[in-house]
Each structure stands twice: as structure tokens, then as C-alpha cells.
């Protein structure tokens, strides 16, 4: 055997090992692709119903939000009506009720003073430097 023949045999063995290595790598790659394809198919089978359920849930939530929105607008309208009604009642009855209460208070005060103090006849008023001092004030100064 000559050197060229030995070199040819070595190259042939090298190529045979390389081809065997590539065949094993391609076989493993094919198995990985099969497993990936099966996994994607399983995920698709499970994801489609889940997405349908999620879509139905979102539609239901949208319907409920529309209902809540209409309820909120109704509550806002009722609130504004109640505010207007309370303003009307306050302006209609507030002033007269305050006047009646003040009148009643004044009558009670007058009646209590009248029952507590004997009738006094007011004395003459004294004028001091352009002012009038009542009899009650003169009594306070004296004693």
C-alpha cells in the first residue's frame, strides 16, 4: 500500500464517521421536531377552548359593565333630582320655619321674663352727652 492509498482510506473513514455523526444528529433533530409538532398540536387543542371561554367571559363582563353604567347614570339623575328637591324645600319652608321658630323663641322669652319680674314702670331717661342711658343702666352704676 502506498501513501496515497493510505491517505485515501483515511479520508474515506473520516467521511464515513462524519456521515454517521450527521445521520445521528439528523435523526435526533427529526425526533425533536416530531415532539415539538405534537406539543404545538396539544397546546392548540387546549388553547382554542380556553380562548373561546375567555372571549365569552369578556363579553359577559362588557354586558355587566353596560348595566352598571346605566345604573350609575340613573343614580346620578336621582341624586340631582333629590338635590333640587331639597333646595326647593329649603327655600320654600326654610325661611318661614326660621321666622316661626324665632317668633316662638321670642314669645317664650317674653313670657318667662314677664312671669319672673314684677311689672316695672320705666323711669325717665337721662341724657348724657348726646346719649340716652336707660334706667337699668343707671341702677347698675349706683349699686
C-alpha atoms as a PDB file:
ATOM      1  CA  UNK A   1       0.000   0.000   0.000  1.00  0.00           C
ATOM      2  CA  UNK A   2       1.290   3.283  -0.968  1.00  0.00           C
ATOM      3  CA  UNK A   3       0.989   6.585   0.860  1.00  0.00           C
ATOM      4  CA  UNK A   4      -1.756   7.772  -1.489  1.00  0.00           C
ATOM      5  CA  UNK A   5      -3.827   4.671  -0.828  1.00  0.00           C
ATOM      6  CA  UNK A   6      -3.464   5.065   2.952  1.00  0.00           C
ATOM      7  CA  UNK A   7      -4.442   8.710   2.689  1.00  0.00           C
ATOM      8  CA  UNK A   8      -7.484   7.752   0.590  1.00  0.00           C
ATOM      9  CA  UNK A   9      -8.516   5.124   3.150  1.00  0.00           C
ATOM     10  CA  UNK A  10      -8.139   7.660   5.977  1.00  0.00           C
ATOM     11  CA  UNK A  11     -10.224  10.232   4.111  1.00  0.00           C
ATOM     12  CA  UNK A  12     -12.886   7.594   3.373  1.00  0.00           C
ATOM     13  CA  UNK A  13     -13.002   6.516   7.054  1.00  0.00           C
ATOM     14  CA  UNK A  14     -13.174  10.185   8.118  1.00  0.00           C
ATOM     15  CA  UNK A  15     -16.066  10.821   5.696  1.00  0.00           C
ATOM     16  CA  UNK A  16     -17.839   7.659   6.896  1.00  0.00           C
ATOM     17  CA  UNK A  17     -17.572   8.821  10.534  1.00  0.00           C
ATOM     18  CA  UNK A  18     -18.752  12.297   9.543  1.00  0.00           C
ATOM     19  CA  UNK A  19     -21.753  10.901   7.650  1.00  0.00           C
ATOM     20  CA  UNK A  20     -22.637   8.633  10.591  1.00  0.00           C
ATOM     21  CA  UNK A  21     -22.417  11.584  13.015  1.00  0.00           C
ATOM     22  CA  UNK A  22     -24.622  13.720  10.734  1.00  0.00           C
ATOM     23  CA  UNK A  23     -27.118  10.858  10.386  1.00  0.00           C
ATOM     24  CA  UNK A  24     -27.413  10.553  14.187  1.00  0.00           C
ATOM     25  CA  UNK A  25     -27.792  14.358  14.535  1.00  0.00           C
ATOM     26  CA  UNK A  26     -30.489  14.435  11.826  1.00  0.00           C
ATOM     27  CA  UNK A  27     -32.326  11.535  13.476  1.00  0.00           C
ATOM     28  CA  UNK A  28     -32.360  13.356  16.820  1.00  0.00           C
ATOM     29  CA  UNK A  29     -33.438  16.591  15.120  1.00  0.00           C
ATOM     30  CA  UNK A  30     -36.305  14.711  13.460  1.00  0.00           C
ATOM     31  CA  UNK A  31     -37.399  13.311  16.852  1.00  0.00           C
ATOM     32  CA  UNK A  32     -37.255  16.817  18.373  1.00  0.00           C
ATOM     33  CA  UNK A  33     -39.327  18.249  15.524  1.00  0.00           C
ATOM     34  CA  UNK A  34     -41.917  15.468  15.939  1.00  0.00           C
ATOM     35  CA  UNK A  35     -42.165  16.144  19.674  1.00  0.00           C
ATOM     36  CA  UNK A  36     -42.439  19.890  19.049  1.00  0.00           C
ATOM     37  CA  UNK A  37     -45.163  19.356  16.453  1.00  0.00           C
ATOM     38  CA  UNK A  38     -47.103  17.133  18.872  1.00  0.00           C
ATOM     39  CA  UNK A  39     -46.709  19.707  21.674  1.00  0.00           C
ATOM     40  CA  UNK A  40     -47.928  22.552  19.467  1.00  0.00           C
ATOM     41  CA  UNK A  41     -50.914  20.460  18.388  1.00  0.00           C
ATOM     42  CA  UNK A  42     -51.803  19.674  22.017  1.00  0.00           C
ATOM     43  CA  UNK A  43     -51.451  23.314  23.048  1.00  0.00           C
ATOM     44  CA  UNK A  44     -53.647  24.375  20.127  1.00  0.00           C
ATOM     45  CA  UNK A  45     -56.301  21.817  21.101  1.00  0.00           C
ATOM     46  CA  UNK A  46     -56.360  23.139  24.668  1.00  0.00           C
ATOM     47  CA  UNK A  47     -55.913  26.834  23.885  1.00  0.00           C
ATOM     48  CA  UNK A  48     -58.789  27.179  21.430  1.00  0.00           C
ATOM     49  CA  UNK A  49     -61.489  26.247  24.000  1.00  0.00           C
ATOM     50  CA  UNK A  50     -59.782  28.417  26.630  1.00  0.00           C
ATOM     51  CA  UNK A  51     -59.764  31.373  24.259  1.00  0.00           C
ATOM     52  CA  UNK A  52     -63.430  30.784  23.472  1.00  0.00           C
ATOM     53  CA  UNK A  53     -64.235  30.751  27.206  1.00  0.00           C
ATOM     54  CA  UNK A  54     -62.175  33.903  27.756  1.00  0.00           C
ATOM     55  CA  UNK A  55     -63.983  35.621  24.902  1.00  0.00           C
ATOM     56  CA  UNK A  56     -67.362  34.673  26.381  1.00  0.00           C
ATOM     57  CA  UNK A  57     -66.251  35.948  29.780  1.00  0.00           C
ATOM     58  CA  UNK A  58     -65.134  39.265  28.304  1.00  0.00           C
ATOM     59  CA  UNK A  59     -68.482  39.627  26.504  1.00  0.00           C
ATOM     60  CA  UNK A  60     -70.352  38.925  29.757  1.00  0.00           C
ATOM     61  CA  UNK A  61     -68.184  41.436  31.617  1.00  0.00           C
ATOM     62  CA  UNK A  62     -68.898  44.033  28.924  1.00  0.00           C
ATOM     63  CA  UNK A  63     -72.641  43.434  29.303  1.00  0.00           C
ATOM     64  CA  UNK A  64     -72.380  43.797  33.074  1.00  0.00           C
ATOM     65  CA  UNK A  65     -70.352  46.992  32.735  1.00  0.00           C
ATOM     66  CA  UNK A  66     -73.014  48.442  30.447  1.00  0.00           C
ATOM     67  CA  UNK A  67     -75.649  47.606  33.061  1.00  0.00           C
ATOM     68  CA  UNK A  68     -73.563  49.190  35.815  1.00  0.00           C
ATOM     69  CA  UNK A  69     -73.087  52.270  33.644  1.00  0.00           C
ATOM     70  CA  UNK A  70     -76.826  52.638  33.124  1.00  0.00           C
ATOM     71  CA  UNK A  71     -77.428  52.146  36.865  1.00  0.00           C
ATOM     72  CA  UNK A  72     -74.788  54.762  37.675  1.00  0.00           C
ATOM     73  CA  UNK A  73     -76.381  57.274  35.302  1.00  0.00           C
ATOM     74  CA  UNK A  74     -79.795  56.595  36.893  1.00  0.00           C
ATOM     75  CA  UNK A  75     -78.331  57.098  40.361  1.00  0.00           C
ATOM     76  CA  UNK A  76     -76.737  60.347  39.223  1.00  0.00           C
ATOM     77  CA  UNK A  77     -80.087  61.554  37.901  1.00  0.00           C
ATOM     78  CA  UNK A  78     -81.852  60.590  41.144  1.00  0.00           C
ATOM     79  CA  UNK A  79     -79.149  62.369  43.142  1.00  0.00           C
ATOM     80  CA  UNK A  80     -79.524  65.559  41.134  1.00  0.00           C
ATOM     81  CA  UNK A  81     -83.328  65.370  41.495  1.00  0.00           C
ATOM     82  CA  UNK A  82     -83.009  64.883  45.258  1.00  0.00           C
ATOM     83  CA  UNK A  83     -80.614  67.820  45.473  1.00  0.00           C
ATOM     84  CA  UNK A  84     -83.015  70.018  43.525  1.00  0.00           C
ATOM     85  CA  UNK A  85     -85.905  68.882  45.731  1.00  0.00           C
ATOM     86  CA  UNK A  86     -84.012  69.593  48.951  1.00  0.00           C
ATOM     87  CA  UNK A  87     -83.041  73.033  47.642  1.00  0.00           C
ATOM     88  CA  UNK A  88     -86.669  73.748  46.779  1.00  0.00           C
ATOM     89  CA  UNK A  89     -87.901  72.554  50.178  1.00  0.00           C
ATOM     90  CA  UNK A  90     -85.222  74.550  51.975  1.00  0.00           C
ATOM     91  CA  UNK A  91     -86.034  77.727  50.090  1.00  0.00           C
ATOM     92  CA  UNK A  92     -89.801  77.228  50.412  1.00  0.00           C
ATOM     93  CA  UNK A  93     -90.049  76.190  54.045  1.00  0.00           C
ATOM     94  CA  UNK A  94     -86.672  77.225  55.454  1.00  0.00           C
ATOM     95  CA  UNK A  95     -87.265  80.969  55.717  1.00  0.00           C
ATOM     96  CA  UNK A  96     -90.788  80.758  57.172  1.00  0.00           C
ATOM     97  CA  UNK A  97     -89.776  77.998  59.604  1.00  0.00           C
ATOM     98  CA  UNK A  98     -86.884  80.089  60.865  1.00  0.00           C
ATOM     99  CA  UNK A  99     -89.194  83.040  61.331  1.00  0.00           C
ATOM    100  CA  UNK A 100     -91.781  80.935  63.185  1.00  0.00           C
ATOM    101  CA  UNK A 101     -89.054  79.463  65.400  1.00  0.00           C
ATOM    102  CA  UNK A 102     -87.653  82.913  66.141  1.00  0.00           C
ATOM    103  CA  UNK A 103     -91.136  84.219  66.912  1.00  0.00           C
ATOM    104  CA  UNK A 104     -91.802  81.267  69.222  1.00  0.00           C
ATOM    105  CA  UNK A 105     -88.485  81.812  70.980  1.00  0.00           C
ATOM    106  CA  UNK A 106     -89.257  85.487  71.425  1.00  0.00           C
ATOM    107  CA  UNK A 107     -92.710  84.723  72.839  1.00  0.00           C
ATOM    108  CA  UNK A 108     -91.232  82.181  75.278  1.00  0.00           C
ATOM    109  CA  UNK A 109     -88.586  84.640  76.410  1.00  0.00           C
ATOM    110  CA  UNK A 110     -91.155  87.380  76.877  1.00  0.00           C
ATOM    111  CA  UNK A 111     -93.464  85.078  78.823  1.00  0.00           C
ATOM    112  CA  UNK A 112     -90.661  83.854  81.087  1.00  0.00           C
ATOM    113  CA  UNK A 113     -89.467  87.402  81.810  1.00  0.00           C
ATOM    114  CA  UNK A 114     -92.979  88.535  82.436  1.00  0.00           C
ATOM    115  CA  UNK A 115     -93.640  85.747  84.907  1.00  0.00           C
ATOM    116  CA  UNK A 116     -90.291  86.217  86.701  1.00  0.00           C
ATOM    117  CA  UNK A 117     -90.206  90.012  87.100  1.00  0.00           C
ATOM    118  CA  UNK A 118     -92.895  92.215  88.554  1.00  0.00           C
ATOM    119  CA  UNK A 119     -94.242  94.967  86.358  1.00  0.00           C
ATOM    120  CA  UNK A 120     -91.909  97.941  86.388  1.00  0.00           C
ATOM    121  CA  UNK A 121     -92.711 101.291  85.114  1.00  0.00           C
ATOM    122  CA  UNK A 122     -89.746 102.650  83.243  1.00  0.00           C
ATOM    123  CA  UNK A 123     -88.338 105.770  84.810  1.00  0.00           C
ATOM    124  CA  UNK A 124     -87.346 108.879  82.977  1.00  0.00           C
ATOM    125  CA  UNK A 125     -84.304 108.605  80.804  1.00  0.00           C
ATOM    126  CA  UNK A 126     -81.264 110.638  81.495  1.00  0.00           C
ATOM    127  CA  UNK A 127     -79.365 112.290  78.657  1.00  0.00           C
ATOM    128  CA  UNK A 128     -75.595 112.309  78.976  1.00  0.00           C
ATOM    129  CA  UNK A 129     -73.505 113.995  76.290  1.00  0.00           C
ATOM    130  CA  UNK A 130     -75.892 113.210  73.498  1.00  0.00           C
ATOM    131  CA  UNK A 131     -76.664 109.643  74.636  1.00  0.00           C
ATOM    132  CA  UNK A 132     -79.587 108.083  76.340  1.00  0.00           C
ATOM    133  CA  UNK A 133     -78.923 105.785  79.286  1.00  0.00           C
ATOM    134  CA  UNK A 134     -81.754 103.543  80.334  1.00  0.00           C
ATOM    135  CA  UNK A 135     -82.982 103.203  83.904  1.00  0.00           C
ATOM    136  CA  UNK A 136     -81.491  99.727  84.207  1.00  0.00           C
ATOM    137  CA  UNK A 137     -78.065 101.064  83.390  1.00  0.00           C
ATOM    138  CA  UNK A 138     -78.393 103.840  85.962  1.00  0.00           C
ATOM    139  CA  UNK A 139     -79.272 101.252  88.574  1.00  0.00           C
ATOM    140  CA  UNK A 140     -76.164  99.236  87.694  1.00  0.00           C
ATOM    141  CA  UNK A 141     -73.972 102.302  88.188  1.00  0.00           C
ATOM    142  CA  UNK A 142     -75.496 103.028  91.571  1.00  0.00           C
ATOM    143  CA  UNK A 143     -75.248  99.736  93.013  1.00  0.00           C
END
